[in-house]
Each structure stands twice: as C-alpha cells, then as structure tokens.
C-alpha cells in the first residue's frame, strides 16, 4: 500500500465534532516530543503536513488528514504526559484522548509511539494497560531508531516485551521506525493496507447479508 495523496482536513477538540467519514481511521499518539509529527510526515512523504515544533506539547486537538482521496484517514492525537501543562489543560487533553479512543467507531487501530532511546516508561506502560482493559486495538511504534545503535535498540525493545508479557498472553504488533531514515515506513503502510483489506471484506459481507435479508423479506410478503 502506498500513500499517493495526503491532505489536512480538519481539527476538533471534541470527538462529536469529528467528520462523519465512511472509511477507516488510524490514529497516532504518544508522549510529547516522541516524534509523532515527524513520523506522520515521513509516512506521507509530505514535509510540513503535520506541524513539528521544538516545543513539546503543541498538539492540543484531534487532527484529521485525508489519505488517497478518502480511502482512509490518518488522525494525529494530542500527546500525553507533558508535565509543564497546568492541571486543567492536562485534564482536558485526557478527556479528548479518552473520548476519541473509546467513542470513535471509525478508528481501526491506534498506533502508540514510544521513544526507543529510553527504558520502559511508566506512563507509556499504564496507557497501554488502559487500552488493553478497554479492548482497544493498538500497535507499538518505536521512534528515533537512528539515534542509537542497533544492539541498544534491540535491547530496549526486548525490555518492553518482557514487561508486557508479565500481564499479556500476546503482544501487539511492534514496529521500529526512524523518521529521519525512513525506517519502518513500508512495514507500517503494509500493515495499514492489510487492515484496510479486512475492513473492506467485512463491509462487503455486511452488505451481502443485508441484501439477503432484504430479499428474504420481499419474497416472504
């Protein structure tokens, strides 16, 4: 699967105000300064599509991007865990994230970004545990792999796996990426393509079932 066209669509502070789209959505989230905007720009090959900043915590809204003229949508969610925000703003960001993740039926998968350079962080692990408790489908995307050597990267990923396997029988899909080097782009887009095909097949089966039910009702009159 390839991204042929990517355009900014709209930003909202409430899930109820998000666009009424009829295609799957894939949302990206992570701690502030994890490299989310850079990763999105790398995936879409559109420098500046998602606004990057040297100041963490700039994304405060649900940002929708339309991909391939509406084949699917990419969603940039606010970052969590930025300590310099006031309590009121932290609570508001928490509400925006939780409302979107739990209520947005169009969301097929949530990509949780983690900085591969650091040891497992409590806030990331707690967020993943919360997703598991609410049965939210998600994948882990390690970012900034170009900043450390491959052995250290492998060790850090293994540390996350060990901790997650203490409570989970099965790990979510895991991707290792570098926005600077383009690492992981093909793997991520192939996975999205796979999920899109599953979505289309489910829709076709649903339509076939509805048509059969409709025909049965007509013939029974």
C-alpha atoms as a PDB file:
ATOM      1  CA  UNK A   1       0.000   0.000   0.000  1.00  0.00           C
ATOM      2  CA  UNK A   2       1.280   3.460  -0.898  1.00  0.00           C
ATOM      3  CA  UNK A   3       0.176   6.956   0.012  1.00  0.00           C
ATOM      4  CA  UNK A   4      -0.424   8.800  -3.244  1.00  0.00           C
ATOM      5  CA  UNK A   5      -2.081  11.876  -1.766  1.00  0.00           C
ATOM      6  CA  UNK A   6      -2.323  13.301   1.760  1.00  0.00           C
ATOM      7  CA  UNK A   7      -4.131  16.472   2.767  1.00  0.00           C
ATOM      8  CA  UNK A   8      -5.001  18.154   6.047  1.00  0.00           C
ATOM      9  CA  UNK A   9      -8.761  18.018   6.596  1.00  0.00           C
ATOM     10  CA  UNK A  10      -9.881  19.479   9.938  1.00  0.00           C
ATOM     11  CA  UNK A  11      -9.082  19.838  13.653  1.00  0.00           C
ATOM     12  CA  UNK A  12     -11.503  19.445  16.551  1.00  0.00           C
ATOM     13  CA  UNK A  13     -11.480  19.495  20.338  1.00  0.00           C
ATOM     14  CA  UNK A  14     -14.416  17.081  20.697  1.00  0.00           C
ATOM     15  CA  UNK A  15     -14.994  13.668  19.176  1.00  0.00           C
ATOM     16  CA  UNK A  16     -18.604  14.615  18.417  1.00  0.00           C
ATOM     17  CA  UNK A  17     -17.292  17.304  16.062  1.00  0.00           C
ATOM     18  CA  UNK A  18     -15.057  14.927  14.073  1.00  0.00           C
ATOM     19  CA  UNK A  19     -16.024  14.418  10.423  1.00  0.00           C
ATOM     20  CA  UNK A  20     -18.645  11.797   9.593  1.00  0.00           C
ATOM     21  CA  UNK A  21     -16.409   9.696   7.357  1.00  0.00           C
ATOM     22  CA  UNK A  22     -17.232   6.306   5.825  1.00  0.00           C
ATOM     23  CA  UNK A  23     -13.676   4.962   5.744  1.00  0.00           C
ATOM     24  CA  UNK A  24     -11.274   3.560   8.342  1.00  0.00           C
ATOM     25  CA  UNK A  25      -9.175   5.808  10.563  1.00  0.00           C
ATOM     26  CA  UNK A  26      -5.734   5.152  12.028  1.00  0.00           C
ATOM     27  CA  UNK A  27      -4.742   7.337  14.962  1.00  0.00           C
ATOM     28  CA  UNK A  28      -1.247   8.151  16.207  1.00  0.00           C
ATOM     29  CA  UNK A  29      -0.492   9.052  19.812  1.00  0.00           C
ATOM     30  CA  UNK A  30       2.444   9.184  22.214  1.00  0.00           C
ATOM     31  CA  UNK A  31       4.173  11.215  24.870  1.00  0.00           C
ATOM     32  CA  UNK A  32       5.024  14.782  23.976  1.00  0.00           C
ATOM     33  CA  UNK A  33       8.243  15.082  21.933  1.00  0.00           C
ATOM     34  CA  UNK A  34       8.154  11.429  20.841  1.00  0.00           C
ATOM     35  CA  UNK A  35       8.471  12.450  17.177  1.00  0.00           C
ATOM     36  CA  UNK A  36       4.846  11.943  16.162  1.00  0.00           C
ATOM     37  CA  UNK A  37       4.610  14.772  13.638  1.00  0.00           C
ATOM     38  CA  UNK A  38       7.901  13.785  12.043  1.00  0.00           C
ATOM     39  CA  UNK A  39       6.731  10.187  11.703  1.00  0.00           C
ATOM     40  CA  UNK A  40       3.437  11.251  10.093  1.00  0.00           C
ATOM     41  CA  UNK A  41       5.289  13.470   7.619  1.00  0.00           C
ATOM     42  CA  UNK A  42       7.648  10.608   6.802  1.00  0.00           C
ATOM     43  CA  UNK A  43       4.779   8.176   6.190  1.00  0.00           C
ATOM     44  CA  UNK A  44       3.001  10.645   3.904  1.00  0.00           C
ATOM     45  CA  UNK A  45       6.216  11.975   2.348  1.00  0.00           C
ATOM     46  CA  UNK A  46       4.862  15.461   2.899  1.00  0.00           C
ATOM     47  CA  UNK A  47       7.244  17.695   4.824  1.00  0.00           C
ATOM     48  CA  UNK A  48       5.227  20.052   6.983  1.00  0.00           C
ATOM     49  CA  UNK A  49       1.925  18.171   6.656  1.00  0.00           C
ATOM     50  CA  UNK A  50       1.818  17.622  10.402  1.00  0.00           C
ATOM     51  CA  UNK A  51       3.319  20.637  12.132  1.00  0.00           C
ATOM     52  CA  UNK A  52       6.508  19.895  14.041  1.00  0.00           C
ATOM     53  CA  UNK A  53       7.820  22.058  16.856  1.00  0.00           C
ATOM     54  CA  UNK A  54      10.848  22.259  19.124  1.00  0.00           C
ATOM     55  CA  UNK A  55       8.411  22.900  21.974  1.00  0.00           C
ATOM     56  CA  UNK A  56       6.757  19.714  23.310  1.00  0.00           C
ATOM     57  CA  UNK A  57       3.013  19.505  23.822  1.00  0.00           C
ATOM     58  CA  UNK A  58       1.920  21.659  20.883  1.00  0.00           C
ATOM     59  CA  UNK A  59      -0.717  19.246  19.546  1.00  0.00           C
ATOM     60  CA  UNK A  60      -3.884  20.037  21.504  1.00  0.00           C
ATOM     61  CA  UNK A  61      -6.575  18.926  19.055  1.00  0.00           C
ATOM     62  CA  UNK A  62      -7.766  15.896  17.091  1.00  0.00           C
ATOM     63  CA  UNK A  63      -6.238  16.487  13.657  1.00  0.00           C
ATOM     64  CA  UNK A  64      -7.652  14.630  10.643  1.00  0.00           C
ATOM     65  CA  UNK A  65      -5.753  14.032   7.405  1.00  0.00           C
ATOM     66  CA  UNK A  66      -7.451  12.549   4.346  1.00  0.00           C
ATOM     67  CA  UNK A  67      -5.380   9.898   2.573  1.00  0.00           C
ATOM     68  CA  UNK A  68      -5.660   8.877  -1.081  1.00  0.00           C
ATOM     69  CA  UNK A  69      -8.785  10.962  -1.695  1.00  0.00           C
ATOM     70  CA  UNK A  70     -10.716   9.312   1.123  1.00  0.00           C
ATOM     71  CA  UNK A  71      -9.514   5.700   1.049  1.00  0.00           C
ATOM     72  CA  UNK A  72      -8.631   6.120   4.720  1.00  0.00           C
ATOM     73  CA  UNK A  73      -7.890   8.798   7.296  1.00  0.00           C
ATOM     74  CA  UNK A  74      -4.859   9.466   9.461  1.00  0.00           C
ATOM     75  CA  UNK A  75      -5.506  11.081  12.843  1.00  0.00           C
ATOM     76  CA  UNK A  76      -2.932  12.987  14.892  1.00  0.00           C
ATOM     77  CA  UNK A  77      -3.974  12.958  18.571  1.00  0.00           C
ATOM     78  CA  UNK A  78      -2.653  15.202  21.361  1.00  0.00           C
ATOM     79  CA  UNK A  79       0.446  13.984  23.158  1.00  0.00           C
ATOM     80  CA  UNK A  80       0.118  12.860  26.760  1.00  0.00           C
ATOM     81  CA  UNK A  81       2.377  13.300  29.752  1.00  0.00           C
ATOM     82  CA  UNK A  82       3.665  16.830  29.228  1.00  0.00           C
ATOM     83  CA  UNK A  83       4.446  17.917  32.788  1.00  0.00           C
ATOM     84  CA  UNK A  84       4.545  21.669  32.098  1.00  0.00           C
ATOM     85  CA  UNK A  85       0.878  21.804  31.236  1.00  0.00           C
ATOM     86  CA  UNK A  86      -1.396  23.019  34.011  1.00  0.00           C
ATOM     87  CA  UNK A  87      -3.742  20.531  35.664  1.00  0.00           C
ATOM     88  CA  UNK A  88      -6.776  21.965  33.882  1.00  0.00           C
ATOM     89  CA  UNK A  89      -5.154  21.530  30.469  1.00  0.00           C
ATOM     90  CA  UNK A  90      -3.893  18.038  31.343  1.00  0.00           C
ATOM     91  CA  UNK A  91      -7.433  17.039  32.294  1.00  0.00           C
ATOM     92  CA  UNK A  92      -8.768  18.469  29.038  1.00  0.00           C
ATOM     93  CA  UNK A  93      -6.185  16.584  26.964  1.00  0.00           C
ATOM     94  CA  UNK A  94      -7.020  13.395  28.865  1.00  0.00           C
ATOM     95  CA  UNK A  95     -10.718  13.884  28.069  1.00  0.00           C
ATOM     96  CA  UNK A  96     -10.036  14.477  24.372  1.00  0.00           C
ATOM     97  CA  UNK A  97      -7.891  11.348  24.113  1.00  0.00           C
ATOM     98  CA  UNK A  98     -10.201   9.061  26.059  1.00  0.00           C
ATOM     99  CA  UNK A  99     -13.348  10.260  24.278  1.00  0.00           C
ATOM    100  CA  UNK A 100     -11.795   9.733  20.857  1.00  0.00           C
ATOM    101  CA  UNK A 101     -10.240   6.355  21.625  1.00  0.00           C
ATOM    102  CA  UNK A 102     -13.372   4.918  23.251  1.00  0.00           C
ATOM    103  CA  UNK A 103     -16.094   6.504  21.109  1.00  0.00           C
ATOM    104  CA  UNK A 104     -14.717   6.881  17.589  1.00  0.00           C
ATOM    105  CA  UNK A 105     -16.123   3.833  15.795  1.00  0.00           C
ATOM    106  CA  UNK A 106     -14.174   4.657  12.613  1.00  0.00           C
ATOM    107  CA  UNK A 107     -10.851   4.088  14.368  1.00  0.00           C
ATOM    108  CA  UNK A 108      -9.479   0.712  13.318  1.00  0.00           C
ATOM    109  CA  UNK A 109      -6.130   0.882  15.109  1.00  0.00           C
ATOM    110  CA  UNK A 110      -4.251   3.164  17.477  1.00  0.00           C
ATOM    111  CA  UNK A 111      -0.506   3.474  16.905  1.00  0.00           C
ATOM    112  CA  UNK A 112       1.201   4.188  20.243  1.00  0.00           C
ATOM    113  CA  UNK A 113       4.572   5.857  19.709  1.00  0.00           C
ATOM    114  CA  UNK A 114       7.433   5.175  22.103  1.00  0.00           C
ATOM    115  CA  UNK A 115      10.917   6.731  22.066  1.00  0.00           C
ATOM    116  CA  UNK A 116      13.235   3.752  21.587  1.00  0.00           C
ATOM    117  CA  UNK A 117      16.135   5.521  23.313  1.00  0.00           C
ATOM    118  CA  UNK A 118      14.606   5.273  26.780  1.00  0.00           C
ATOM    119  CA  UNK A 119      13.932   2.497  29.256  1.00  0.00           C
ATOM    120  CA  UNK A 120      10.259   1.483  29.587  1.00  0.00           C
ATOM    121  CA  UNK A 121       8.366   4.487  30.917  1.00  0.00           C
ATOM    122  CA  UNK A 122       5.609   4.098  33.495  1.00  0.00           C
ATOM    123  CA  UNK A 123       3.263   6.475  31.683  1.00  0.00           C
ATOM    124  CA  UNK A 124       3.525   4.519  28.412  1.00  0.00           C
ATOM    125  CA  UNK A 125       3.009   1.177  30.136  1.00  0.00           C
ATOM    126  CA  UNK A 126      -0.002   2.484  32.061  1.00  0.00           C
ATOM    127  CA  UNK A 127      -1.541   3.863  28.874  1.00  0.00           C
ATOM    128  CA  UNK A 128      -1.086   0.520  27.076  1.00  0.00           C
ATOM    129  CA  UNK A 129      -2.597  -1.286  30.059  1.00  0.00           C
ATOM    130  CA  UNK A 130      -5.595   1.060  29.899  1.00  0.00           C
ATOM    131  CA  UNK A 131      -6.001   0.303  26.192  1.00  0.00           C
ATOM    132  CA  UNK A 132      -5.901  -3.413  26.927  1.00  0.00           C
ATOM    133  CA  UNK A 133      -8.504  -3.091  29.668  1.00  0.00           C
ATOM    134  CA  UNK A 134     -10.835  -1.330  27.237  1.00  0.00           C
ATOM    135  CA  UNK A 135     -10.051  -3.755  24.397  1.00  0.00           C
ATOM    136  CA  UNK A 136      -8.769  -1.004  22.118  1.00  0.00           C
ATOM    137  CA  UNK A 137      -6.781  -2.417  19.168  1.00  0.00           C
ATOM    138  CA  UNK A 138      -3.325  -0.860  19.111  1.00  0.00           C
ATOM    139  CA  UNK A 139       0.230  -1.297  17.904  1.00  0.00           C
ATOM    140  CA  UNK A 140       3.514  -0.086  19.362  1.00  0.00           C
ATOM    141  CA  UNK A 141       5.705   2.104  17.164  1.00  0.00           C
ATOM    142  CA  UNK A 142       9.226   2.720  18.418  1.00  0.00           C
ATOM    143  CA  UNK A 143      10.583   6.019  17.104  1.00  0.00           C
ATOM    144  CA  UNK A 144      14.018   7.606  16.644  1.00  0.00           C
ATOM    145  CA  UNK A 145      15.827   4.339  15.950  1.00  0.00           C
ATOM    146  CA  UNK A 146      18.543   6.268  14.110  1.00  0.00           C
ATOM    147  CA  UNK A 147      19.597   7.926  17.373  1.00  0.00           C
ATOM    148  CA  UNK A 148      21.023   4.744  18.916  1.00  0.00           C
ATOM    149  CA  UNK A 149      22.870   1.645  17.762  1.00  0.00           C
ATOM    150  CA  UNK A 150      21.001  -1.490  16.659  1.00  0.00           C
ATOM    151  CA  UNK A 151      22.092  -3.541  19.676  1.00  0.00           C
ATOM    152  CA  UNK A 152      20.811  -0.939  22.134  1.00  0.00           C
ATOM    153  CA  UNK A 153      17.590  -0.619  20.150  1.00  0.00           C
ATOM    154  CA  UNK A 154      17.065  -4.371  20.217  1.00  0.00           C
ATOM    155  CA  UNK A 155      17.736  -4.462  23.964  1.00  0.00           C
ATOM    156  CA  UNK A 156      15.281  -1.646  24.684  1.00  0.00           C
ATOM    157  CA  UNK A 157      12.527  -3.251  22.620  1.00  0.00           C
ATOM    158  CA  UNK A 158      13.130  -6.565  24.385  1.00  0.00           C
ATOM    159  CA  UNK A 159      12.754  -4.797  27.749  1.00  0.00           C
ATOM    160  CA  UNK A 160       9.291  -3.580  26.755  1.00  0.00           C
ATOM    161  CA  UNK A 161       8.315  -7.046  25.570  1.00  0.00           C
ATOM    162  CA  UNK A 162       9.392  -8.646  28.863  1.00  0.00           C
ATOM    163  CA  UNK A 163       7.336  -6.198  30.905  1.00  0.00           C
ATOM    164  CA  UNK A 164       4.237  -6.502  28.712  1.00  0.00           C
ATOM    165  CA  UNK A 165       4.383 -10.301  28.725  1.00  0.00           C
ATOM    166  CA  UNK A 166       4.101 -10.301  32.518  1.00  0.00           C
ATOM    167  CA  UNK A 167       0.422  -9.467  32.081  1.00  0.00           C
ATOM    168  CA  UNK A 168      -0.400 -10.236  28.446  1.00  0.00           C
ATOM    169  CA  UNK A 169      -0.532 -13.576  26.697  1.00  0.00           C
ATOM    170  CA  UNK A 170       0.103 -11.997  23.302  1.00  0.00           C
ATOM    171  CA  UNK A 171       1.979  -8.857  22.287  1.00  0.00           C
ATOM    172  CA  UNK A 172       0.506  -6.229  19.959  1.00  0.00           C
ATOM    173  CA  UNK A 173       2.202  -5.635  16.600  1.00  0.00           C
ATOM    174  CA  UNK A 174       5.525  -3.833  17.064  1.00  0.00           C
ATOM    175  CA  UNK A 175       7.290  -1.560  14.574  1.00  0.00           C
ATOM    176  CA  UNK A 176      10.707   0.102  14.733  1.00  0.00           C
ATOM    177  CA  UNK A 177      10.960   3.402  12.876  1.00  0.00           C
ATOM    178  CA  UNK A 178      13.116   6.394  12.096  1.00  0.00           C
ATOM    179  CA  UNK A 179      11.510   9.470  10.579  1.00  0.00           C
ATOM    180  CA  UNK A 180      14.937  10.707   9.512  1.00  0.00           C
ATOM    181  CA  UNK A 181      15.949   7.499   7.710  1.00  0.00           C
ATOM    182  CA  UNK A 182      12.505   6.340   6.564  1.00  0.00           C
ATOM    183  CA  UNK A 183      12.942   3.124   8.539  1.00  0.00           C
ATOM    184  CA  UNK A 184       9.734   1.184   9.127  1.00  0.00           C
ATOM    185  CA  UNK A 185       7.659   3.096   6.569  1.00  0.00           C
ATOM    186  CA  UNK A 186       6.970   0.118   4.320  1.00  0.00           C
ATOM    187  CA  UNK A 187       6.121  -2.125   7.264  1.00  0.00           C
ATOM    188  CA  UNK A 188       3.651   0.372   8.755  1.00  0.00           C
ATOM    189  CA  UNK A 189       1.920   1.076   5.455  1.00  0.00           C
ATOM    190  CA  UNK A 190       1.738  -2.638   4.618  1.00  0.00           C
ATOM    191  CA  UNK A 191       0.056  -3.241   7.967  1.00  0.00           C
ATOM    192  CA  UNK A 192      -2.444  -0.437   7.352  1.00  0.00           C
ATOM    193  CA  UNK A 193      -3.100  -1.875   3.904  1.00  0.00           C
ATOM    194  CA  UNK A 194      -3.770  -5.271   5.462  1.00  0.00           C
ATOM    195  CA  UNK A 195      -6.232  -3.746   7.932  1.00  0.00           C
ATOM    196  CA  UNK A 196      -7.919  -1.822   5.127  1.00  0.00           C
ATOM    197  CA  UNK A 197      -8.485  -5.047   3.211  1.00  0.00           C
ATOM    198  CA  UNK A 198     -10.021  -6.643   6.278  1.00  0.00           C
ATOM    199  CA  UNK A 199     -12.265  -3.610   6.722  1.00  0.00           C
ATOM    200  CA  UNK A 200     -13.418  -3.775   3.086  1.00  0.00           C
ATOM    201  CA  UNK A 201     -14.114  -7.504   3.304  1.00  0.00           C
ATOM    202  CA  UNK A 202     -16.162  -7.032   6.473  1.00  0.00           C
ATOM    203  CA  UNK A 203     -18.176  -4.260   4.803  1.00  0.00           C
ATOM    204  CA  UNK A 204     -18.840  -6.430   1.752  1.00  0.00           C
ATOM    205  CA  UNK A 205     -20.006  -9.318   3.929  1.00  0.00           C
ATOM    206  CA  UNK A 206     -22.279  -6.965   5.862  1.00  0.00           C
ATOM    207  CA  UNK A 207     -23.802  -5.624   2.637  1.00  0.00           C
ATOM    208  CA  UNK A 208     -24.338  -9.138   1.258  1.00  0.00           C
ATOM    209  CA  UNK A 209     -26.070 -10.151   4.473  1.00  0.00           C
ATOM    210  CA  UNK A 210     -28.324  -7.088   4.388  1.00  0.00           C
ATOM    211  CA  UNK A 211     -29.225  -7.768   0.757  1.00  0.00           C
ATOM    212  CA  UNK A 212     -30.116 -11.383   1.546  1.00  0.00           C
ATOM    213  CA  UNK A 213     -32.245 -10.272   4.494  1.00  0.00           C
ATOM    214  CA  UNK A 214     -33.982  -7.691   2.303  1.00  0.00           C
ATOM    215  CA  UNK A 215     -34.657 -10.221  -0.464  1.00  0.00           C
ATOM    216  CA  UNK A 216     -35.966 -12.738   2.058  1.00  0.00           C
ATOM    217  CA  UNK A 217     -38.349 -10.156   3.471  1.00  0.00           C
ATOM    218  CA  UNK A 218     -39.642  -9.256  -0.002  1.00  0.00           C
ATOM    219  CA  UNK A 219     -40.145 -12.878  -1.048  1.00  0.00           C
ATOM    220  CA  UNK A 220     -41.961 -13.592   2.186  1.00  0.00           C
ATOM    221  CA  UNK A 221     -44.600 -10.900   1.577  1.00  0.00           C
END
